[in-house]
Amino acid sequence: MVIEVWQEDEHGRNTIAGYGLMTFPIAPGDFKLDIDCWRPKGGLIEKLLGTYPELQYKDVLICSRSRYGLQAESTGTIKIEISMVLKDFNLHGVFM
């Protein structure tokens, strides 16, 4: 799952707060997961304006080779709780 987190500043401007990527567990049960978020590192002008660069192509999030050389900064962690129920996974090629 790809996650985009947005923030609104005091002037009502929306800017990217971070991107995250997670995979779902393939076992039944309750899980507490951490999703580490990051965004492309901005320059001095972006920091002064309070804006941050966004990814133009989101496929960079999925393909690790595309991220090579991309300067990024950590923006925090999202904590989620999910419950997994496995039904008919074997019909879709997922075997336990």
N, C-alpha and C. Protein backbone atom coordinates (compact mmCIF):
# COMPACT_ATOMS: atom_id res chain seq x y z
N MET A 1 0.85 -1.16 0.00
CA MET A 1 0.00 0.00 0.00
C MET A 1 0.90 1.23 0.00
N VAL A 2 0.58 2.15 -0.86
CA VAL A 2 1.31 3.42 -0.94
C VAL A 2 0.49 4.48 -0.21
N ILE A 3 1.17 5.24 0.63
CA ILE A 3 0.49 6.26 1.44
C ILE A 3 1.09 7.63 1.13
N GLU A 4 0.22 8.62 0.97
CA GLU A 4 0.65 10.01 0.87
C GLU A 4 0.03 10.76 2.04
N VAL A 5 0.84 11.50 2.75
CA VAL A 5 0.37 12.31 3.87
C VAL A 5 0.53 13.77 3.47
N TRP A 6 -0.54 14.53 3.59
CA TRP A 6 -0.53 15.95 3.25
C TRP A 6 -0.73 16.78 4.50
N GLN A 7 -0.23 17.99 4.46
CA GLN A 7 -0.41 18.91 5.59
C GLN A 7 -0.88 20.26 5.07
N GLU A 8 -1.55 20.98 5.93
CA GLU A 8 -2.01 22.33 5.59
C GLU A 8 -1.33 23.29 6.55
N ASP A 9 -0.72 24.35 6.00
CA ASP A 9 -0.04 25.30 6.86
C ASP A 9 -1.01 26.38 7.33
N GLU A 10 -0.49 27.34 8.07
CA GLU A 10 -1.34 28.39 8.65
C GLU A 10 -1.94 29.32 7.60
N HIS A 11 -1.44 29.27 6.37
CA HIS A 11 -1.96 30.10 5.29
C HIS A 11 -2.93 29.34 4.39
N GLY A 12 -3.26 28.10 4.77
CA GLY A 12 -4.19 27.30 4.00
C GLY A 12 -3.59 26.59 2.79
N ARG A 13 -2.26 26.59 2.70
CA ARG A 13 -1.59 25.91 1.59
C ARG A 13 -1.40 24.43 1.93
N ASN A 14 -1.68 23.56 0.97
CA ASN A 14 -1.45 22.13 1.15
C ASN A 14 -0.14 21.73 0.51
N THR A 15 0.64 20.96 1.24
CA THR A 15 1.92 20.49 0.74
C THR A 15 2.15 19.08 1.23
N ILE A 16 2.99 18.35 0.53
CA ILE A 16 3.24 16.96 0.89
C ILE A 16 4.00 16.89 2.21
N ALA A 17 3.53 16.04 3.10
CA ALA A 17 4.22 15.83 4.38
C ALA A 17 5.07 14.57 4.32
N GLY A 18 4.69 13.61 3.47
CA GLY A 18 5.50 12.41 3.37
C GLY A 18 4.85 11.32 2.54
N TYR A 19 5.68 10.40 2.10
CA TYR A 19 5.24 9.21 1.38
C TYR A 19 5.64 8.00 2.21
N GLY A 20 4.85 6.96 2.15
CA GLY A 20 5.17 5.73 2.85
C GLY A 20 4.75 4.53 2.02
N LEU A 21 5.33 3.40 2.32
CA LEU A 21 5.05 2.17 1.59
C LEU A 21 4.99 1.03 2.60
N MET A 22 3.97 0.18 2.48
CA MET A 22 3.87 -0.96 3.38
C MET A 22 3.31 -2.17 2.64
N THR A 23 3.59 -3.32 3.17
CA THR A 23 2.99 -4.55 2.66
C THR A 23 2.10 -5.12 3.76
N PHE A 24 1.02 -5.76 3.34
CA PHE A 24 0.11 -6.37 4.29
C PHE A 24 0.62 -7.73 4.72
N PRO A 25 0.44 -8.09 5.98
CA PRO A 25 0.83 -9.42 6.43
C PRO A 25 -0.02 -10.48 5.71
N ILE A 26 0.56 -11.66 5.51
CA ILE A 26 -0.21 -12.73 4.89
C ILE A 26 -0.51 -13.84 5.91
N ALA A 27 -0.74 -13.41 7.13
CA ALA A 27 -1.14 -14.32 8.19
C ALA A 27 -2.36 -13.72 8.88
N PRO A 28 -3.28 -14.55 9.34
CA PRO A 28 -4.44 -14.01 10.03
C PRO A 28 -4.05 -13.45 11.40
N GLY A 29 -4.79 -12.46 11.86
CA GLY A 29 -4.55 -11.92 13.20
C GLY A 29 -4.58 -10.41 13.23
N ASP A 30 -4.30 -9.88 14.41
CA ASP A 30 -4.24 -8.44 14.63
C ASP A 30 -2.79 -8.00 14.60
N PHE A 31 -2.53 -6.88 13.95
CA PHE A 31 -1.17 -6.40 13.78
C PHE A 31 -1.08 -4.91 14.07
N LYS A 32 0.03 -4.51 14.68
CA LYS A 32 0.38 -3.10 14.84
C LYS A 32 1.58 -2.86 13.95
N LEU A 33 1.44 -1.98 12.97
CA LEU A 33 2.48 -1.76 11.99
C LEU A 33 2.95 -0.31 12.01
N ASP A 34 4.21 -0.11 11.72
CA ASP A 34 4.80 1.22 11.58
C ASP A 34 5.13 1.45 10.11
N ILE A 35 4.74 2.60 9.59
CA ILE A 35 5.05 2.97 8.22
C ILE A 35 5.96 4.19 8.28
N ASP A 36 7.21 4.00 7.91
CA ASP A 36 8.17 5.12 7.90
C ASP A 36 7.89 6.00 6.69
N CYS A 37 7.80 7.30 6.91
CA CYS A 37 7.49 8.25 5.84
C CYS A 37 8.69 9.14 5.53
N TRP A 38 8.74 9.59 4.30
CA TRP A 38 9.82 10.45 3.83
C TRP A 38 9.28 11.35 2.71
N ARG A 39 10.03 12.34 2.37
CA ARG A 39 9.71 13.19 1.23
C ARG A 39 11.02 13.65 0.59
N PRO A 40 10.97 14.06 -0.67
CA PRO A 40 12.18 14.57 -1.31
C PRO A 40 12.72 15.78 -0.55
N LYS A 41 14.01 15.87 -0.45
CA LYS A 41 14.63 16.97 0.27
C LYS A 41 14.54 18.24 -0.56
N GLY A 42 14.09 19.29 0.06
CA GLY A 42 13.99 20.58 -0.62
C GLY A 42 15.23 21.42 -0.42
N GLY A 43 15.36 22.42 -1.24
CA GLY A 43 16.49 23.35 -1.12
C GLY A 43 16.16 24.49 -0.17
N LEU A 44 17.03 25.46 -0.12
CA LEU A 44 16.88 26.60 0.78
C LEU A 44 15.63 27.40 0.45
N ILE A 45 15.34 27.59 -0.82
CA ILE A 45 14.16 28.39 -1.20
C ILE A 45 12.87 27.71 -0.74
N GLU A 46 12.79 26.39 -0.93
CA GLU A 46 11.59 25.67 -0.47
C GLU A 46 11.42 25.77 1.04
N LYS A 47 12.52 25.68 1.76
CA LYS A 47 12.44 25.78 3.23
C LYS A 47 11.97 27.17 3.66
N LEU A 48 12.46 28.21 2.99
CA LEU A 48 12.03 29.57 3.33
C LEU A 48 10.56 29.80 3.02
N LEU A 49 10.09 29.19 1.91
CA LEU A 49 8.68 29.35 1.51
C LEU A 49 7.75 28.41 2.26
N GLY A 50 8.32 27.39 2.92
CA GLY A 50 7.50 26.42 3.64
C GLY A 50 6.84 25.41 2.71
N THR A 51 7.42 25.19 1.55
CA THR A 51 6.90 24.20 0.61
C THR A 51 7.93 23.09 0.44
N TYR A 52 7.48 21.98 -0.08
CA TYR A 52 8.37 20.85 -0.28
C TYR A 52 8.14 20.28 -1.67
N PRO A 53 9.19 19.75 -2.31
CA PRO A 53 9.00 19.17 -3.64
C PRO A 53 8.16 17.90 -3.55
N GLU A 54 7.35 17.66 -4.57
CA GLU A 54 6.54 16.45 -4.67
C GLU A 54 7.11 15.57 -5.76
N LEU A 55 6.82 14.28 -5.66
CA LEU A 55 7.24 13.36 -6.70
C LEU A 55 6.35 13.56 -7.92
N GLN A 56 6.95 13.73 -9.06
CA GLN A 56 6.18 13.90 -10.29
C GLN A 56 5.62 12.55 -10.74
N TYR A 57 6.41 11.50 -10.58
CA TYR A 57 5.98 10.16 -10.97
C TYR A 57 5.96 9.27 -9.74
N LYS A 58 4.79 8.78 -9.37
CA LYS A 58 4.63 7.99 -8.14
C LYS A 58 5.21 6.58 -8.25
N ASP A 59 5.54 6.12 -9.47
CA ASP A 59 6.12 4.79 -9.61
C ASP A 59 7.49 4.71 -8.94
N VAL A 60 8.09 5.84 -8.64
CA VAL A 60 9.35 5.89 -7.90
C VAL A 60 9.18 5.25 -6.53
N LEU A 61 7.99 5.34 -5.96
CA LEU A 61 7.74 4.76 -4.64
C LEU A 61 7.84 3.25 -4.65
N ILE A 62 7.46 2.63 -5.75
CA ILE A 62 7.40 1.17 -5.81
C ILE A 62 8.70 0.56 -6.30
N CYS A 63 9.37 1.19 -7.23
CA CYS A 63 10.59 0.64 -7.84
C CYS A 63 11.81 1.23 -7.15
N SER A 64 12.52 0.41 -6.38
CA SER A 64 13.65 0.93 -5.60
C SER A 64 14.79 1.43 -6.50
N ARG A 65 14.95 0.87 -7.70
CA ARG A 65 16.00 1.35 -8.59
C ARG A 65 15.77 2.80 -9.01
N SER A 66 14.49 3.20 -9.09
CA SER A 66 14.16 4.57 -9.48
C SER A 66 14.51 5.57 -8.39
N ARG A 67 14.65 5.10 -7.15
CA ARG A 67 14.96 6.00 -6.04
C ARG A 67 16.45 6.23 -5.88
N TYR A 68 17.28 5.52 -6.63
CA TYR A 68 18.73 5.67 -6.50
C TYR A 68 19.13 7.12 -6.77
N GLY A 69 19.85 7.71 -5.84
CA GLY A 69 20.32 9.08 -5.99
C GLY A 69 19.33 10.14 -5.55
N LEU A 70 18.11 9.74 -5.21
CA LEU A 70 17.10 10.70 -4.76
C LEU A 70 17.40 11.10 -3.32
N GLN A 71 17.57 12.38 -3.09
CA GLN A 71 17.82 12.85 -1.73
C GLN A 71 16.48 13.03 -1.03
N ALA A 72 16.37 12.42 0.14
CA ALA A 72 15.10 12.45 0.88
C ALA A 72 15.37 12.73 2.35
N GLU A 73 14.30 13.14 3.03
CA GLU A 73 14.38 13.36 4.47
C GLU A 73 13.24 12.63 5.15
N SER A 74 13.51 12.11 6.33
CA SER A 74 12.50 11.40 7.10
C SER A 74 11.48 12.40 7.63
N THR A 75 10.20 12.00 7.59
CA THR A 75 9.16 12.91 8.09
C THR A 75 8.31 12.28 9.19
N GLY A 76 8.73 11.14 9.68
CA GLY A 76 8.01 10.54 10.80
C GLY A 76 7.48 9.15 10.48
N THR A 77 6.68 8.65 11.39
CA THR A 77 6.15 7.30 11.30
C THR A 77 4.64 7.31 11.52
N ILE A 78 3.94 6.56 10.69
CA ILE A 78 2.51 6.36 10.88
C ILE A 78 2.33 5.02 11.56
N LYS A 79 1.55 4.98 12.60
CA LYS A 79 1.27 3.74 13.31
C LYS A 79 -0.16 3.33 13.01
N ILE A 80 -0.34 2.09 12.52
CA ILE A 80 -1.68 1.62 12.22
C ILE A 80 -1.91 0.27 12.89
N GLU A 81 -3.16 -0.03 13.13
CA GLU A 81 -3.57 -1.33 13.64
C GLU A 81 -4.54 -1.93 12.63
N ILE A 82 -4.27 -3.16 12.20
CA ILE A 82 -5.16 -3.82 11.26
C ILE A 82 -5.44 -5.24 11.73
N SER A 83 -6.55 -5.76 11.27
CA SER A 83 -6.90 -7.16 11.50
C SER A 83 -6.99 -7.82 10.14
N MET A 84 -6.27 -8.92 9.98
CA MET A 84 -6.26 -9.65 8.71
C MET A 84 -7.14 -10.88 8.82
N VAL A 85 -8.01 -11.03 7.84
CA VAL A 85 -8.84 -12.22 7.70
C VAL A 85 -8.50 -12.81 6.34
N LEU A 86 -8.09 -14.05 6.33
CA LEU A 86 -7.69 -14.69 5.08
C LEU A 86 -8.85 -15.55 4.57
N LYS A 87 -9.35 -15.20 3.41
CA LYS A 87 -10.44 -15.96 2.81
C LYS A 87 -10.12 -16.13 1.33
N ASP A 88 -10.07 -17.36 0.90
CA ASP A 88 -9.86 -17.69 -0.51
C ASP A 88 -8.52 -17.22 -1.06
N PHE A 89 -7.50 -17.05 -0.19
CA PHE A 89 -6.18 -16.66 -0.68
C PHE A 89 -5.66 -17.69 -1.67
N ASN A 90 -5.92 -18.98 -1.40
CA ASN A 90 -5.42 -20.04 -2.27
C ASN A 90 -6.01 -19.93 -3.69
N LEU A 91 -7.18 -19.34 -3.82
CA LEU A 91 -7.77 -19.16 -5.14
C LEU A 91 -7.02 -18.11 -5.98
N HIS A 92 -6.22 -17.28 -5.29
CA HIS A 92 -5.49 -16.21 -5.95
C HIS A 92 -3.98 -16.44 -5.94
N GLY A 93 -3.57 -17.67 -5.67
CA GLY A 93 -2.16 -18.02 -5.74
C GLY A 93 -1.35 -17.72 -4.50
N VAL A 94 -1.99 -17.39 -3.40
CA VAL A 94 -1.27 -17.16 -2.14
C VAL A 94 -1.49 -18.39 -1.27
N PHE A 95 -0.41 -19.10 -0.96
CA PHE A 95 -0.51 -20.34 -0.19
C PHE A 95 0.08 -20.13 1.18
N MET A 96 -0.53 -20.70 2.15
CA MET A 96 -0.08 -20.58 3.53
C MET A 96 0.77 -21.76 3.91
